């Protein structure tokens, strides 16, 4: 049935005050939960917290993007996003201009590790199962934003990510 279906099974059964989506190739680092919960409790308008992803080689993995639009698709197809990587215009979708070293609100972090309050997750709703695997997290973050809630990337909260493994 796909990744999204499986995530929704967990979301339907989740009963705790805090909900975390965590892929099997992601490992939490020390202090992750305390820092995440503190950040959620500090802000009434933060819906989702996204950590900084670090590879096993201690390299920051770019994990945030802006919401895709037609211009971003055009820049990807024409290759302008690769030629002008750091451009806020041509590189905006993949946010290549952002070095992932400071806290900021973002449109959509990768869904491999997201954390939020149960009440917020209930307002956002289940992930859209028309997206079998990819883009369900993008849609979920968009719905969070439509509720007026922020998605906050925080590099003080870190995870180890072995991308593409389980």
C-alpha atoms as a PDB file:
ATOM      1  CA  UNK A   1       0.000   0.000   0.000  1.00  0.00           C
ATOM      2  CA  UNK A   2       2.987   2.289   0.308  1.00  0.00           C
ATOM      3  CA  UNK A   3       4.913   4.316   2.845  1.00  0.00           C
ATOM      4  CA  UNK A   4       2.160   6.869   3.420  1.00  0.00           C
ATOM      5  CA  UNK A   5      -0.399   4.198   4.234  1.00  0.00           C
ATOM      6  CA  UNK A   6       1.980   2.749   6.828  1.00  0.00           C
ATOM      7  CA  UNK A   7       2.618   6.177   8.392  1.00  0.00           C
ATOM      8  CA  UNK A   8      -1.134   6.754   8.652  1.00  0.00           C
ATOM      9  CA  UNK A   9      -1.569   3.429  10.460  1.00  0.00           C
ATOM     10  CA  UNK A  10       0.825   4.716  13.106  1.00  0.00           C
ATOM     11  CA  UNK A  11      -0.782   8.172  13.253  1.00  0.00           C
ATOM     12  CA  UNK A  12      -4.217   6.593  13.825  1.00  0.00           C
ATOM     13  CA  UNK A  13      -2.924   4.593  16.793  1.00  0.00           C
ATOM     14  CA  UNK A  14      -0.644   7.246  18.297  1.00  0.00           C
ATOM     15  CA  UNK A  15      -1.923   8.342  21.675  1.00  0.00           C
ATOM     16  CA  UNK A  16       0.944  10.308  23.209  1.00  0.00           C
ATOM     17  CA  UNK A  17       1.129  14.085  23.621  1.00  0.00           C
ATOM     18  CA  UNK A  18       4.055  14.260  21.176  1.00  0.00           C
ATOM     19  CA  UNK A  19       4.137  12.499  17.799  1.00  0.00           C
ATOM     20  CA  UNK A  20       7.326  11.686  15.907  1.00  0.00           C
ATOM     21  CA  UNK A  21       7.729  10.369  12.389  1.00  0.00           C
ATOM     22  CA  UNK A  22      11.041   8.518  12.171  1.00  0.00           C
ATOM     23  CA  UNK A  23      12.382   6.543   9.239  1.00  0.00           C
ATOM     24  CA  UNK A  24      14.361   3.367   9.957  1.00  0.00           C
ATOM     25  CA  UNK A  25      17.573   4.888   8.557  1.00  0.00           C
ATOM     26  CA  UNK A  26      17.544   7.764  11.071  1.00  0.00           C
ATOM     27  CA  UNK A  27      19.098   7.632  14.551  1.00  0.00           C
ATOM     28  CA  UNK A  28      18.408  10.124  17.338  1.00  0.00           C
ATOM     29  CA  UNK A  29      21.325  11.873  19.034  1.00  0.00           C
ATOM     30  CA  UNK A  30      21.660  12.820  22.691  1.00  0.00           C
ATOM     31  CA  UNK A  31      19.133  15.335  23.931  1.00  0.00           C
ATOM     32  CA  UNK A  32      16.953  15.047  20.826  1.00  0.00           C
ATOM     33  CA  UNK A  33      13.650  14.510  22.625  1.00  0.00           C
ATOM     34  CA  UNK A  34      14.219  17.058  25.396  1.00  0.00           C
ATOM     35  CA  UNK A  35      15.275  19.767  22.935  1.00  0.00           C
ATOM     36  CA  UNK A  36      12.413  19.024  20.543  1.00  0.00           C
ATOM     37  CA  UNK A  37       9.732  19.006  23.223  1.00  0.00           C
ATOM     38  CA  UNK A  38      11.126  22.210  24.777  1.00  0.00           C
ATOM     39  CA  UNK A  39      11.020  23.961  21.411  1.00  0.00           C
ATOM     40  CA  UNK A  40       7.447  22.793  20.784  1.00  0.00           C
ATOM     41  CA  UNK A  41       6.375  24.026  24.226  1.00  0.00           C
ATOM     42  CA  UNK A  42       8.098  27.419  23.791  1.00  0.00           C
ATOM     43  CA  UNK A  43       6.093  28.378  20.728  1.00  0.00           C
ATOM     44  CA  UNK A  44       2.333  28.313  20.234  1.00  0.00           C
ATOM     45  CA  UNK A  45       2.669  28.751  16.477  1.00  0.00           C
ATOM     46  CA  UNK A  46       5.228  26.017  15.760  1.00  0.00           C
ATOM     47  CA  UNK A  47       3.481  22.972  14.362  1.00  0.00           C
ATOM     48  CA  UNK A  48       6.392  20.771  13.358  1.00  0.00           C
ATOM     49  CA  UNK A  49      10.041  20.605  14.401  1.00  0.00           C
ATOM     50  CA  UNK A  50      12.677  19.359  11.951  1.00  0.00           C
ATOM     51  CA  UNK A  51      16.205  18.436  13.057  1.00  0.00           C
ATOM     52  CA  UNK A  52      19.511  18.851  11.288  1.00  0.00           C
ATOM     53  CA  UNK A  53      20.483  15.642   9.451  1.00  0.00           C
ATOM     54  CA  UNK A  54      24.103  14.532   9.737  1.00  0.00           C
ATOM     55  CA  UNK A  55      25.719  11.717   7.741  1.00  0.00           C
ATOM     56  CA  UNK A  56      27.888   9.039   9.338  1.00  0.00           C
ATOM     57  CA  UNK A  57      30.857  11.070   8.047  1.00  0.00           C
ATOM     58  CA  UNK A  58      29.642  14.118  10.058  1.00  0.00           C
ATOM     59  CA  UNK A  59      28.562  16.014   6.947  1.00  0.00           C
ATOM     60  CA  UNK A  60      25.411  18.124   7.056  1.00  0.00           C
ATOM     61  CA  UNK A  61      22.766  16.646   4.768  1.00  0.00           C
ATOM     62  CA  UNK A  62      20.657  19.364   3.108  1.00  0.00           C
ATOM     63  CA  UNK A  63      17.171  18.514   4.336  1.00  0.00           C
ATOM     64  CA  UNK A  64      15.006  21.590   3.742  1.00  0.00           C
ATOM     65  CA  UNK A  65      13.230  22.830   0.652  1.00  0.00           C
ATOM     66  CA  UNK A  66      10.766  25.463  -0.366  1.00  0.00           C
ATOM     67  CA  UNK A  67       7.379  24.362  -1.620  1.00  0.00           C
ATOM     68  CA  UNK A  68       7.658  23.372  -5.284  1.00  0.00           C
ATOM     69  CA  UNK A  69       6.043  25.519  -7.948  1.00  0.00           C
ATOM     70  CA  UNK A  70       6.097  25.716 -11.734  1.00  0.00           C
ATOM     71  CA  UNK A  71       9.117  28.010 -11.843  1.00  0.00           C
ATOM     72  CA  UNK A  72      11.133  25.592  -9.691  1.00  0.00           C
ATOM     73  CA  UNK A  73      10.218  22.788 -12.076  1.00  0.00           C
ATOM     74  CA  UNK A  74      11.346  24.912 -15.015  1.00  0.00           C
ATOM     75  CA  UNK A  75      14.697  25.690 -13.313  1.00  0.00           C
ATOM     76  CA  UNK A  76      15.202  21.962 -12.620  1.00  0.00           C
ATOM     77  CA  UNK A  77      14.367  20.889 -16.201  1.00  0.00           C
ATOM     78  CA  UNK A  78      16.535  23.564 -17.843  1.00  0.00           C
ATOM     79  CA  UNK A  79      19.458  22.899 -15.506  1.00  0.00           C
ATOM     80  CA  UNK A  80      19.559  26.493 -14.271  1.00  0.00           C
ATOM     81  CA  UNK A  81      19.164  25.213 -10.708  1.00  0.00           C
ATOM     82  CA  UNK A  82      22.458  23.324 -11.092  1.00  0.00           C
ATOM     83  CA  UNK A  83      24.302  26.170 -12.839  1.00  0.00           C
ATOM     84  CA  UNK A  84      23.203  28.794 -10.286  1.00  0.00           C
ATOM     85  CA  UNK A  85      23.063  26.573  -7.192  1.00  0.00           C
ATOM     86  CA  UNK A  86      23.275  29.332  -4.603  1.00  0.00           C
ATOM     87  CA  UNK A  87      20.714  31.563  -6.337  1.00  0.00           C
ATOM     88  CA  UNK A  88      17.574  32.334  -4.330  1.00  0.00           C
ATOM     89  CA  UNK A  89      15.694  32.314  -7.643  1.00  0.00           C
ATOM     90  CA  UNK A  90      17.070  29.303  -9.506  1.00  0.00           C
ATOM     91  CA  UNK A  91      18.054  27.257  -6.446  1.00  0.00           C
ATOM     92  CA  UNK A  92      15.017  28.071  -4.353  1.00  0.00           C
ATOM     93  CA  UNK A  93      13.240  24.695  -4.390  1.00  0.00           C
ATOM     94  CA  UNK A  94      16.241  22.767  -3.070  1.00  0.00           C
ATOM     95  CA  UNK A  95      17.272  25.768  -0.923  1.00  0.00           C
ATOM     96  CA  UNK A  96      20.897  25.474  -1.996  1.00  0.00           C
ATOM     97  CA  UNK A  97      21.443  28.990  -0.662  1.00  0.00           C
ATOM     98  CA  UNK A  98      20.743  27.723   2.890  1.00  0.00           C
ATOM     99  CA  UNK A  99      23.676  26.049   4.667  1.00  0.00           C
ATOM    100  CA  UNK A 100      21.524  24.366   7.369  1.00  0.00           C
ATOM    101  CA  UNK A 101      23.566  25.823  10.230  1.00  0.00           C
ATOM    102  CA  UNK A 102      21.022  28.169  11.812  1.00  0.00           C
ATOM    103  CA  UNK A 103      17.485  27.931  13.140  1.00  0.00           C
ATOM    104  CA  UNK A 104      14.770  29.136  10.775  1.00  0.00           C
ATOM    105  CA  UNK A 105      11.248  28.450   9.623  1.00  0.00           C
ATOM    106  CA  UNK A 106      11.090  26.432   6.416  1.00  0.00           C
ATOM    107  CA  UNK A 107       8.413  25.218   4.031  1.00  0.00           C
ATOM    108  CA  UNK A 108       9.232  21.530   3.937  1.00  0.00           C
ATOM    109  CA  UNK A 109      11.954  19.516   5.580  1.00  0.00           C
ATOM    110  CA  UNK A 110      12.368  15.921   4.498  1.00  0.00           C
ATOM    111  CA  UNK A 111       9.886  13.684   6.269  1.00  0.00           C
ATOM    112  CA  UNK A 112      12.483  11.219   7.589  1.00  0.00           C
ATOM    113  CA  UNK A 113      12.238  12.788  11.061  1.00  0.00           C
ATOM    114  CA  UNK A 114       9.484  15.188  12.063  1.00  0.00           C
ATOM    115  CA  UNK A 115       8.079  15.879  15.508  1.00  0.00           C
ATOM    116  CA  UNK A 116       4.960  17.731  16.611  1.00  0.00           C
ATOM    117  CA  UNK A 117       2.278  17.910  19.273  1.00  0.00           C
ATOM    118  CA  UNK A 118      -0.531  15.359  18.969  1.00  0.00           C
ATOM    119  CA  UNK A 119      -3.135  18.156  18.911  1.00  0.00           C
ATOM    120  CA  UNK A 120      -1.332  19.761  15.959  1.00  0.00           C
ATOM    121  CA  UNK A 121      -1.004  16.474  14.094  1.00  0.00           C
ATOM    122  CA  UNK A 122      -4.734  15.905  14.603  1.00  0.00           C
ATOM    123  CA  UNK A 123      -5.468  19.335  13.080  1.00  0.00           C
ATOM    124  CA  UNK A 124      -3.187  18.694  10.097  1.00  0.00           C
ATOM    125  CA  UNK A 125      -4.761  15.289   9.591  1.00  0.00           C
ATOM    126  CA  UNK A 126      -3.488  12.080   8.111  1.00  0.00           C
ATOM    127  CA  UNK A 127      -1.080  12.066   5.188  1.00  0.00           C
ATOM    128  CA  UNK A 128      -2.660  11.916   1.745  1.00  0.00           C
ATOM    129  CA  UNK A 129      -2.435   8.288   0.611  1.00  0.00           C
ATOM    130  CA  UNK A 130      -2.621   9.284  -3.049  1.00  0.00           C
ATOM    131  CA  UNK A 131       1.104   9.930  -2.523  1.00  0.00           C
ATOM    132  CA  UNK A 132       2.383   6.379  -2.061  1.00  0.00           C
ATOM    133  CA  UNK A 133       5.832   7.395  -0.894  1.00  0.00           C
ATOM    134  CA  UNK A 134       7.132  10.774  -1.987  1.00  0.00           C
ATOM    135  CA  UNK A 135       5.536  14.199  -1.502  1.00  0.00           C
ATOM    136  CA  UNK A 136       3.143  13.104   1.252  1.00  0.00           C
ATOM    137  CA  UNK A 137       5.431  14.987   3.667  1.00  0.00           C
ATOM    138  CA  UNK A 138       5.397  18.044   1.391  1.00  0.00           C
ATOM    139  CA  UNK A 139       1.598  18.043   1.353  1.00  0.00           C
ATOM    140  CA  UNK A 140       1.520  17.524   5.127  1.00  0.00           C
ATOM    141  CA  UNK A 141       3.807  20.538   5.712  1.00  0.00           C
ATOM    142  CA  UNK A 142       1.708  22.634   3.326  1.00  0.00           C
ATOM    143  CA  UNK A 143      -1.409  21.804   5.343  1.00  0.00           C
ATOM    144  CA  UNK A 144       0.472  22.763   8.508  1.00  0.00           C
ATOM    145  CA  UNK A 145       1.284  26.162   6.954  1.00  0.00           C
ATOM    146  CA  UNK A 146      -2.321  26.605   5.822  1.00  0.00           C
ATOM    147  CA  UNK A 147      -3.327  26.330   9.494  1.00  0.00           C
ATOM    148  CA  UNK A 148      -0.989  29.262  10.215  1.00  0.00           C
ATOM    149  CA  UNK A 149       1.551  27.052  11.946  1.00  0.00           C
ATOM    150  CA  UNK A 150       5.298  27.089  11.358  1.00  0.00           C
ATOM    151  CA  UNK A 151       7.657  24.292  10.465  1.00  0.00           C
ATOM    152  CA  UNK A 152      10.888  25.069  12.304  1.00  0.00           C
ATOM    153  CA  UNK A 153      14.280  23.689  11.351  1.00  0.00           C
ATOM    154  CA  UNK A 154      16.674  23.651  14.302  1.00  0.00           C
ATOM    155  CA  UNK A 155      20.338  22.607  13.889  1.00  0.00           C
ATOM    156  CA  UNK A 156      20.693  22.253  17.675  1.00  0.00           C
ATOM    157  CA  UNK A 157      18.518  19.150  17.327  1.00  0.00           C
ATOM    158  CA  UNK A 158      20.454  16.561  15.341  1.00  0.00           C
ATOM    159  CA  UNK A 159      19.879  13.115  13.885  1.00  0.00           C
ATOM    160  CA  UNK A 160      22.200  10.696  12.124  1.00  0.00           C
ATOM    161  CA  UNK A 161      20.787   9.760   8.741  1.00  0.00           C
ATOM    162  CA  UNK A 162      21.985   6.876   6.566  1.00  0.00           C
ATOM    163  CA  UNK A 163      20.052   8.066   3.520  1.00  0.00           C
ATOM    164  CA  UNK A 164      18.172   5.408   1.580  1.00  0.00           C
ATOM    165  CA  UNK A 165      18.732   2.456   3.922  1.00  0.00           C
ATOM    166  CA  UNK A 166      16.505   0.529   6.262  1.00  0.00           C
END
